[in-house]
Amino acid sequence: RRLSSHQRRVNPGADKRPKGTESAARKEQVLSRLNLSATRNTMMGRRR
């Protein structure tokens, strides 16, 4: 499972996205998603 999550973060599709004024907003969205997924993974891991 760690490999799958790592591959998602290293997904080359993210690099193809255009970088510009929208980069900040997109970064915030990605960070929020990563934080949510990380908290969910930790909760699931702790419960198990």
PDB file of N, CA and C in Angstrom:
ATOM      1  N   ARG A   1       0.846  -1.200   0.000  1.00  0.00           N
ATOM      2  CA  ARG A   1       0.000   0.000   0.000  1.00  0.00           C
ATOM      3  C   ARG A   1       0.880   1.248   0.000  1.00  0.00           C
ATOM      4  N   ARG A   2       2.001   1.203   0.704  1.00  0.00           N
ATOM      5  CA  ARG A   2       2.881   2.370   0.714  1.00  0.00           C
ATOM      6  C   ARG A   2       3.381   2.665  -0.694  1.00  0.00           C
ATOM      7  N   LEU A   3       3.670   1.608  -1.459  1.00  0.00           N
ATOM      8  CA  LEU A   3       4.163   1.819  -2.824  1.00  0.00           C
ATOM      9  C   LEU A   3       3.087   2.502  -3.663  1.00  0.00           C
ATOM     10  N   SER A   4       1.819   2.069  -3.517  1.00  0.00           N
ATOM     11  CA  SER A   4       0.748   2.659  -4.309  1.00  0.00           C
ATOM     12  C   SER A   4       0.616   4.141  -3.979  1.00  0.00           C
ATOM     13  N   SER A   5       0.640   4.487  -2.678  1.00  0.00           N
ATOM     14  CA  SER A   5       0.499   5.891  -2.292  1.00  0.00           C
ATOM     15  C   SER A   5       1.690   6.688  -2.818  1.00  0.00           C
ATOM     16  N   HIS A   6       2.890   6.088  -2.750  1.00  0.00           N
ATOM     17  CA  HIS A   6       4.080   6.785  -3.232  1.00  0.00           C
ATOM     18  C   HIS A   6       3.954   7.047  -4.731  1.00  0.00           C
ATOM     19  N   GLN A   7       3.462   6.056  -5.471  1.00  0.00           N
ATOM     20  CA  GLN A   7       3.314   6.229  -6.914  1.00  0.00           C
ATOM     21  C   GLN A   7       2.301   7.336  -7.210  1.00  0.00           C
ATOM     22  N   ARG A   8       1.250   7.422  -6.407  1.00  0.00           N
ATOM     23  CA  ARG A   8       0.259   8.482  -6.640  1.00  0.00           C
ATOM     24  C   ARG A   8       0.907   9.841  -6.497  1.00  0.00           C
ATOM     25  N   ARG A   9       1.768  10.002  -5.469  1.00  0.00           N
ATOM     26  CA  ARG A   9       2.423  11.295  -5.266  1.00  0.00           C
ATOM     27  C   ARG A   9       3.395  11.589  -6.399  1.00  0.00           C
ATOM     28  N   VAL A  10       4.056  10.544  -6.908  1.00  0.00           N
ATOM     29  CA  VAL A  10       5.051  10.734  -7.967  1.00  0.00           C
ATOM     30  C   VAL A  10       4.388  10.667  -9.347  1.00  0.00           C
ATOM     31  N   ASN A  11       3.048  10.597  -9.350  1.00  0.00           N
ATOM     32  CA  ASN A  11       2.330  10.484 -10.621  1.00  0.00           C
ATOM     33  C   ASN A  11       2.832  11.538 -11.620  1.00  0.00           C
ATOM     34  N   PRO A  12       3.345  11.142 -12.799  1.00  0.00           N
ATOM     35  CA  PRO A  12       3.870  12.107 -13.772  1.00  0.00           C
ATOM     36  C   PRO A  12       2.796  13.041 -14.303  1.00  0.00           C
ATOM     37  N   GLY A  13       1.543  12.677 -14.192  1.00  0.00           N
ATOM     38  CA  GLY A  13       0.465  13.533 -14.697  1.00  0.00           C
ATOM     39  C   GLY A  13       0.487  14.899 -14.023  1.00  0.00           C
ATOM     40  N   ALA A  14       0.913  14.964 -12.767  1.00  0.00           N
ATOM     41  CA  ALA A  14       0.937  16.243 -12.048  1.00  0.00           C
ATOM     42  C   ALA A  14       1.926  17.198 -12.710  1.00  0.00           C
ATOM     43  N   ASP A  15       3.059  16.667 -13.205  1.00  0.00           N
ATOM     44  CA  ASP A  15       4.059  17.533 -13.827  1.00  0.00           C
ATOM     45  C   ASP A  15       3.541  18.108 -15.142  1.00  0.00           C
ATOM     46  N   LYS A  16       2.629  17.414 -15.789  1.00  0.00           N
ATOM     47  CA  LYS A  16       2.136  17.884 -17.090  1.00  0.00           C
ATOM     48  C   LYS A  16       1.192  19.074 -16.935  1.00  0.00           C
ATOM     49  N   ARG A  17       0.674  19.267 -15.728  1.00  0.00           N
ATOM     50  CA  ARG A  17      -0.246  20.401 -15.522  1.00  0.00           C
ATOM     51  C   ARG A  17       0.502  21.712 -15.729  1.00  0.00           C
ATOM     52  N   PRO A  18      -0.121  22.695 -16.355  1.00  0.00           N
ATOM     53  CA  PRO A  18       0.536  23.988 -16.608  1.00  0.00           C
ATOM     54  C   PRO A  18       0.823  24.725 -15.306  1.00  0.00           C
ATOM     55  N   LYS A  19       2.027  25.284 -15.203  1.00  0.00           N
ATOM     56  CA  LYS A  19       2.397  26.025 -13.991  1.00  0.00           C
ATOM     57  C   LYS A  19       2.221  27.523 -14.243  1.00  0.00           C
ATOM     58  N   GLY A  20       1.528  28.181 -13.313  1.00  0.00           N
ATOM     59  CA  GLY A  20       1.309  29.620 -13.497  1.00  0.00           C
ATOM     60  C   GLY A  20       0.625  30.206 -12.272  1.00  0.00           C
ATOM     61  N   THR A  21      -0.256  31.169 -12.502  1.00  0.00           N
ATOM     62  CA  THR A  21      -0.942  31.801 -11.368  1.00  0.00           C
ATOM     63  C   THR A  21      -1.856  30.790 -10.680  1.00  0.00           C
ATOM     64  N   GLU A  22      -2.298  29.771 -11.419  1.00  0.00           N
ATOM     65  CA  GLU A  22      -3.193  28.767 -10.832  1.00  0.00           C
ATOM     66  C   GLU A  22      -2.418  27.755  -9.988  1.00  0.00           C
ATOM     67  N   SER A  23      -1.086  27.776 -10.085  1.00  0.00           N
ATOM     68  CA  SER A  23      -0.278  26.794  -9.359  1.00  0.00           C
ATOM     69  C   SER A  23      -0.545  26.896  -7.861  1.00  0.00           C
ATOM     70  N   ALA A  24      -0.641  28.101  -7.330  1.00  0.00           N
ATOM     71  CA  ALA A  24      -0.851  28.267  -5.882  1.00  0.00           C
ATOM     72  C   ALA A  24      -2.164  27.610  -5.463  1.00  0.00           C
ATOM     73  N   ALA A  25      -3.241  27.921  -6.158  1.00  0.00           N
ATOM     74  CA  ALA A  25      -4.550  27.364  -5.801  1.00  0.00           C
ATOM     75  C   ALA A  25      -4.506  25.843  -5.922  1.00  0.00           C
ATOM     76  N   ARG A  26      -3.904  25.353  -7.008  1.00  0.00           N
ATOM     77  CA  ARG A  26      -3.852  23.895  -7.199  1.00  0.00           C
ATOM     78  C   ARG A  26      -2.997  23.255  -6.113  1.00  0.00           C
ATOM     79  N   LYS A  27      -1.912  23.915  -5.743  1.00  0.00           N
ATOM     80  CA  LYS A  27      -1.050  23.367  -4.679  1.00  0.00           C
ATOM     81  C   LYS A  27      -1.859  23.259  -3.388  1.00  0.00           C
ATOM     82  N   GLU A  28      -2.637  24.302  -3.088  1.00  0.00           N
ATOM     83  CA  GLU A  28      -3.445  24.260  -1.865  1.00  0.00           C
ATOM     84  C   GLU A  28      -4.419  23.091  -1.923  1.00  0.00           C
ATOM     85  N   GLN A  29      -5.054  22.891  -3.087  1.00  0.00           N
ATOM     86  CA  GLN A  29      -6.009  21.787  -3.224  1.00  0.00           C
ATOM     87  C   GLN A  29      -5.293  20.450  -3.042  1.00  0.00           C
ATOM     88  N   VAL A  30      -4.131  20.301  -3.668  1.00  0.00           N
ATOM     89  CA  VAL A  30      -3.384  19.038  -3.566  1.00  0.00           C
ATOM     90  C   VAL A  30      -2.965  18.803  -2.121  1.00  0.00           C
ATOM     91  N   LEU A  31      -2.478  19.865  -1.464  1.00  0.00           N
ATOM     92  CA  LEU A  31      -2.051  19.712  -0.069  1.00  0.00           C
ATOM     93  C   LEU A  31      -3.229  19.291   0.790  1.00  0.00           C
ATOM     94  N   SER A  32      -4.379  19.923   0.581  1.00  0.00           N
ATOM     95  CA  SER A  32      -5.562  19.561   1.381  1.00  0.00           C
ATOM     96  C   SER A  32      -5.921  18.096   1.134  1.00  0.00           C
ATOM     97  N   ARG A  33      -5.867  17.666  -0.128  1.00  0.00           N
ATOM     98  CA  ARG A  33      -6.194  16.262  -0.437  1.00  0.00           C
ATOM     99  C   ARG A  33      -5.184  15.337   0.218  1.00  0.00           C
ATOM    100  N   LEU A  34      -3.893  15.686   0.136  1.00  0.00           N
ATOM    101  CA  LEU A  34      -2.862  14.835   0.733  1.00  0.00           C
ATOM    102  C   LEU A  34      -3.066  14.764   2.242  1.00  0.00           C
ATOM    103  N   ASN A  35      -3.393  15.922   2.853  1.00  0.00           N
ATOM    104  CA  ASN A  35      -3.603  15.925   4.308  1.00  0.00           C
ATOM    105  C   ASN A  35      -4.783  15.028   4.661  1.00  0.00           C
ATOM    106  N   LEU A  36      -5.876  15.141   3.915  1.00  0.00           N
ATOM    107  CA  LEU A  36      -7.055  14.322   4.207  1.00  0.00           C
ATOM    108  C   LEU A  36      -6.703  12.844   4.050  1.00  0.00           C
ATOM    109  N   SER A  37      -6.043  12.493   2.955  1.00  0.00           N
ATOM    110  CA  SER A  37      -5.696  11.086   2.714  1.00  0.00           C
ATOM    111  C   SER A  37      -4.738  10.597   3.794  1.00  0.00           C
ATOM    112  N   ALA A  38      -3.776  11.440   4.178  1.00  0.00           N
ATOM    113  CA  ALA A  38      -2.802  11.032   5.194  1.00  0.00           C
ATOM    114  C   ALA A  38      -3.512  10.779   6.523  1.00  0.00           C
ATOM    115  N   THR A  39      -4.403  11.689   6.914  1.00  0.00           N
ATOM    116  CA  THR A  39      -5.111  11.506   8.190  1.00  0.00           C
ATOM    117  C   THR A  39      -5.955  10.235   8.131  1.00  0.00           C
ATOM    118  N   ARG A  40      -6.615   9.993   7.001  1.00  0.00           N
ATOM    119  CA  ARG A  40      -7.441   8.790   6.873  1.00  0.00           C
ATOM    120  C   ARG A  40      -6.568   7.540   6.975  1.00  0.00           C
ATOM    121  N   ASN A  41      -5.407   7.568   6.294  1.00  0.00           N
ATOM    122  CA  ASN A  41      -4.518   6.400   6.329  1.00  0.00           C
ATOM    123  C   ASN A  41      -4.032   6.155   7.755  1.00  0.00           C
ATOM    124  N   THR A  42      -3.666   7.220   8.461  1.00  0.00           N
ATOM    125  CA  THR A  42      -3.169   7.047   9.825  1.00  0.00           C
ATOM    126  C   THR A  42      -4.280   6.496  10.717  1.00  0.00           C
ATOM    127  N   MET A  43      -5.483   7.015  10.564  1.00  0.00           N
ATOM    128  CA  MET A  43      -6.598   6.530  11.378  1.00  0.00           C
ATOM    129  C   MET A  43      -6.845   5.048  11.103  1.00  0.00           C
ATOM    130  N   MET A  44      -6.880   4.690   9.829  1.00  0.00           N
ATOM    131  CA  MET A  44      -7.108   3.288   9.487  1.00  0.00           C
ATOM    132  C   MET A  44      -5.969   2.435  10.042  1.00  0.00           C
ATOM    133  N   GLY A  45      -4.749   2.885   9.887  1.00  0.00           N
ATOM    134  CA  GLY A  45      -3.603   2.118  10.368  1.00  0.00           C
ATOM    135  C   GLY A  45      -3.658   1.956  11.879  1.00  0.00           C
ATOM    136  N   ARG A  46      -4.009   3.023  12.596  1.00  0.00           N
ATOM    137  CA  ARG A  46      -4.070   2.946  14.056  1.00  0.00           C
ATOM    138  C   ARG A  46      -5.192   2.014  14.480  1.00  0.00           C
ATOM    139  N   ARG A  47      -6.338   2.099  13.792  1.00  0.00           N
ATOM    140  CA  ARG A  47      -7.449   1.236  14.161  1.00  0.00           C
ATOM    141  C   ARG A  47      -7.070  -0.226  13.942  1.00  0.00           C
ATOM    142  N   ARG A  48      -6.365  -0.479  12.842  1.00  0.00           N
ATOM    143  CA  ARG A  48      -5.968  -1.856  12.561  1.00  0.00           C
ATOM    144  C   ARG A  48      -4.752  -2.195  13.410  1.00  0.00           C
TER     145      ARG A  48
END
